[in-house]
């Protein structure tokens, strides 16, 4: 890592985790909004959110490992 990368990474990984959650409400709104006419689209949005939740878990694990190494 280059000088300053550790501090930048701490900020970025927190942002990435928070950013996923920030969009959750919007996904739910649109999934419900399109569900009546486009149930398959709604299902895909819901499926995408499930994948994103898994990604969020992996990012959290990465953050924990990084923080542990910094202690």
N, C-alpha and C. Protein backbone atom coordinates (compact mmCIF):
# COMPACT_ATOMS: atom_id res chain seq x y z
N UNK A 1 0.84 -1.18 0.00
CA UNK A 1 0.00 0.00 0.00
C UNK A 1 0.88 1.24 0.00
N UNK A 2 0.39 2.26 -0.65
CA UNK A 2 1.10 3.54 -0.68
C UNK A 2 0.81 4.32 0.60
N UNK A 3 1.67 5.28 0.92
CA UNK A 3 1.40 6.12 2.10
C UNK A 3 0.01 6.76 1.99
N UNK A 4 -0.72 6.71 3.06
CA UNK A 4 -2.06 7.29 3.10
C UNK A 4 -3.17 6.34 2.67
N UNK A 5 -2.81 5.22 2.07
CA UNK A 5 -3.83 4.27 1.60
C UNK A 5 -4.64 3.67 2.74
N UNK A 6 -4.00 3.44 3.88
CA UNK A 6 -4.73 2.82 4.99
C UNK A 6 -5.85 3.73 5.48
N UNK A 7 -5.56 5.00 5.63
CA UNK A 7 -6.59 5.94 6.08
C UNK A 7 -7.69 6.07 5.03
N UNK A 8 -7.30 6.14 3.77
CA UNK A 8 -8.28 6.24 2.69
C UNK A 8 -9.16 4.99 2.66
N UNK A 9 -8.55 3.82 2.81
CA UNK A 9 -9.31 2.58 2.79
C UNK A 9 -10.33 2.55 3.92
N UNK A 10 -9.95 2.99 5.11
CA UNK A 10 -10.88 3.01 6.24
C UNK A 10 -12.12 3.85 5.91
N UNK A 11 -11.90 4.97 5.26
CA UNK A 11 -13.02 5.83 4.87
C UNK A 11 -13.85 5.17 3.78
N UNK A 12 -13.18 4.62 2.78
CA UNK A 12 -13.88 4.04 1.64
C UNK A 12 -14.72 2.83 2.03
N UNK A 13 -14.17 1.92 2.81
CA UNK A 13 -14.93 0.71 3.12
C UNK A 13 -16.15 1.05 3.96
N UNK A 14 -16.02 2.01 4.85
CA UNK A 14 -17.19 2.45 5.63
C UNK A 14 -18.23 3.07 4.70
N UNK A 15 -17.78 3.87 3.76
CA UNK A 15 -18.68 4.48 2.78
C UNK A 15 -19.40 3.41 1.96
N UNK A 16 -18.66 2.42 1.49
CA UNK A 16 -19.26 1.37 0.68
C UNK A 16 -20.35 0.64 1.45
N UNK A 17 -20.08 0.33 2.70
CA UNK A 17 -21.06 -0.37 3.54
C UNK A 17 -22.30 0.50 3.74
N UNK A 18 -22.09 1.75 4.09
CA UNK A 18 -23.21 2.66 4.33
C UNK A 18 -23.99 2.93 3.05
N UNK A 19 -23.30 3.01 1.94
CA UNK A 19 -23.94 3.32 0.67
C UNK A 19 -24.93 2.23 0.27
N UNK A 20 -24.58 0.99 0.52
CA UNK A 20 -25.51 -0.10 0.21
C UNK A 20 -26.80 0.05 1.00
N UNK A 21 -26.67 0.33 2.27
CA UNK A 21 -27.86 0.47 3.12
C UNK A 21 -28.67 1.70 2.74
N UNK A 22 -27.98 2.76 2.32
CA UNK A 22 -28.68 3.99 1.93
C UNK A 22 -29.69 3.73 0.81
N UNK A 23 -29.36 2.80 -0.07
CA UNK A 23 -30.23 2.54 -1.22
C UNK A 23 -31.33 1.52 -0.94
N UNK A 24 -31.26 0.83 0.17
CA UNK A 24 -32.22 -0.23 0.46
C UNK A 24 -33.66 0.26 0.39
N UNK A 25 -33.95 1.37 1.03
CA UNK A 25 -35.33 1.88 1.05
C UNK A 25 -35.81 2.18 -0.36
N UNK A 26 -34.93 2.71 -1.18
CA UNK A 26 -35.30 3.02 -2.56
C UNK A 26 -35.61 1.74 -3.35
N UNK A 27 -34.83 0.70 -3.14
CA UNK A 27 -35.08 -0.58 -3.81
C UNK A 27 -36.44 -1.13 -3.41
N UNK A 28 -36.75 -1.06 -2.12
CA UNK A 28 -38.03 -1.57 -1.62
C UNK A 28 -39.19 -0.80 -2.26
N UNK A 29 -39.09 0.51 -2.28
CA UNK A 29 -40.15 1.34 -2.87
C UNK A 29 -40.38 0.95 -4.33
N UNK A 30 -39.31 0.84 -5.09
CA UNK A 30 -39.48 0.54 -6.51
C UNK A 30 -39.89 -0.91 -6.75
N UNK A 31 -39.44 -1.80 -5.93
CA UNK A 31 -39.87 -3.19 -6.06
C UNK A 31 -41.38 -3.29 -5.86
N UNK A 32 -41.87 -2.60 -4.84
CA UNK A 32 -43.32 -2.61 -4.57
C UNK A 32 -44.08 -1.86 -5.67
N UNK A 33 -43.51 -0.78 -6.17
CA UNK A 33 -44.19 0.03 -7.17
C UNK A 33 -44.38 -0.73 -8.49
N UNK A 34 -43.40 -1.52 -8.88
CA UNK A 34 -43.49 -2.24 -10.15
C UNK A 34 -44.12 -3.62 -10.02
N UNK A 35 -44.30 -4.09 -8.79
CA UNK A 35 -44.74 -5.47 -8.56
C UNK A 35 -46.06 -5.82 -9.24
N UNK A 36 -47.02 -4.91 -9.23
CA UNK A 36 -48.32 -5.21 -9.82
C UNK A 36 -48.26 -5.49 -11.30
N UNK A 37 -47.57 -4.65 -12.04
CA UNK A 37 -47.50 -4.80 -13.49
C UNK A 37 -46.32 -5.66 -13.93
N UNK A 38 -45.24 -5.63 -13.17
CA UNK A 38 -44.02 -6.34 -13.55
C UNK A 38 -43.50 -7.18 -12.39
N UNK A 39 -44.20 -8.25 -12.05
CA UNK A 39 -43.76 -9.04 -10.89
C UNK A 39 -42.36 -9.63 -11.06
N UNK A 40 -41.99 -9.95 -12.30
CA UNK A 40 -40.65 -10.50 -12.52
C UNK A 40 -39.57 -9.45 -12.28
N UNK A 41 -39.89 -8.20 -12.59
CA UNK A 41 -38.94 -7.11 -12.32
C UNK A 41 -38.79 -6.92 -10.82
N UNK A 42 -39.90 -6.95 -10.12
CA UNK A 42 -39.88 -6.83 -8.67
C UNK A 42 -39.04 -7.95 -8.05
N UNK A 43 -39.23 -9.16 -8.55
CA UNK A 43 -38.46 -10.30 -8.03
C UNK A 43 -36.97 -10.12 -8.29
N UNK A 44 -36.62 -9.58 -9.44
CA UNK A 44 -35.20 -9.35 -9.75
C UNK A 44 -34.60 -8.28 -8.84
N UNK A 45 -35.36 -7.23 -8.57
CA UNK A 45 -34.88 -6.19 -7.65
C UNK A 45 -34.66 -6.81 -6.27
N UNK A 46 -35.62 -7.61 -5.82
CA UNK A 46 -35.48 -8.25 -4.52
C UNK A 46 -34.28 -9.21 -4.50
N UNK A 47 -34.09 -9.93 -5.59
CA UNK A 47 -32.94 -10.83 -5.69
C UNK A 47 -31.63 -10.07 -5.67
N UNK A 48 -31.62 -8.94 -6.35
CA UNK A 48 -30.41 -8.10 -6.37
C UNK A 48 -30.10 -7.62 -4.95
N UNK A 49 -31.13 -7.25 -4.21
CA UNK A 49 -30.90 -6.79 -2.84
C UNK A 49 -30.32 -7.90 -1.98
N UNK A 50 -30.79 -9.12 -2.18
CA UNK A 50 -30.25 -10.25 -1.41
C UNK A 50 -28.75 -10.42 -1.70
N UNK A 51 -28.38 -10.29 -2.95
CA UNK A 51 -26.96 -10.39 -3.31
C UNK A 51 -26.17 -9.23 -2.69
N UNK A 52 -26.76 -8.05 -2.69
CA UNK A 52 -26.09 -6.89 -2.12
C UNK A 52 -25.93 -7.03 -0.61
N UNK A 53 -26.92 -7.66 0.05
CA UNK A 53 -26.78 -7.91 1.49
C UNK A 53 -25.61 -8.85 1.76
N UNK A 54 -25.46 -9.85 0.90
CA UNK A 54 -24.33 -10.77 1.05
C UNK A 54 -23.02 -10.01 0.83
N UNK A 55 -23.00 -9.13 -0.16
CA UNK A 55 -21.80 -8.32 -0.41
C UNK A 55 -21.51 -7.42 0.78
N UNK A 56 -22.55 -6.88 1.37
CA UNK A 56 -22.38 -6.03 2.55
C UNK A 56 -21.73 -6.82 3.68
N UNK A 57 -22.16 -8.06 3.86
CA UNK A 57 -21.57 -8.91 4.88
C UNK A 57 -20.09 -9.16 4.62
N UNK A 58 -19.74 -9.36 3.36
CA UNK A 58 -18.33 -9.58 3.01
C UNK A 58 -17.52 -8.31 3.24
N UNK A 59 -18.10 -7.16 2.91
CA UNK A 59 -17.40 -5.89 3.17
C UNK A 59 -17.21 -5.67 4.67
N UNK A 60 -18.23 -6.02 5.45
CA UNK A 60 -18.11 -5.89 6.91
C UNK A 60 -16.99 -6.79 7.43
N UNK A 61 -16.92 -8.02 6.91
CA UNK A 61 -15.86 -8.94 7.33
C UNK A 61 -14.49 -8.38 6.95
N UNK A 62 -14.39 -7.78 5.79
CA UNK A 62 -13.13 -7.17 5.37
C UNK A 62 -12.75 -6.02 6.30
N UNK A 63 -13.74 -5.22 6.67
CA UNK A 63 -13.49 -4.09 7.57
C UNK A 63 -13.02 -4.58 8.93
N UNK A 64 -13.68 -5.61 9.45
CA UNK A 64 -13.29 -6.17 10.75
C UNK A 64 -11.85 -6.69 10.69
N UNK A 65 -11.52 -7.41 9.63
CA UNK A 65 -10.16 -7.95 9.49
C UNK A 65 -9.13 -6.82 9.39
N UNK A 66 -9.47 -5.79 8.64
CA UNK A 66 -8.57 -4.65 8.49
C UNK A 66 -8.39 -3.94 9.82
N UNK A 67 -9.51 -3.68 10.50
CA UNK A 67 -9.45 -2.99 11.80
C UNK A 67 -8.65 -3.80 12.81
N UNK A 68 -8.83 -5.11 12.79
CA UNK A 68 -8.10 -5.98 13.71
C UNK A 68 -6.59 -5.88 13.45
N UNK A 69 -6.22 -5.83 12.19
CA UNK A 69 -4.81 -5.73 11.83
C UNK A 69 -4.22 -4.38 12.23
N UNK A 70 -5.07 -3.35 12.30
CA UNK A 70 -4.60 -2.01 12.63
C UNK A 70 -4.44 -1.80 14.14
N UNK A 71 -5.03 -2.70 14.93
CA UNK A 71 -5.01 -2.54 16.40
C UNK A 71 -3.64 -2.83 16.98
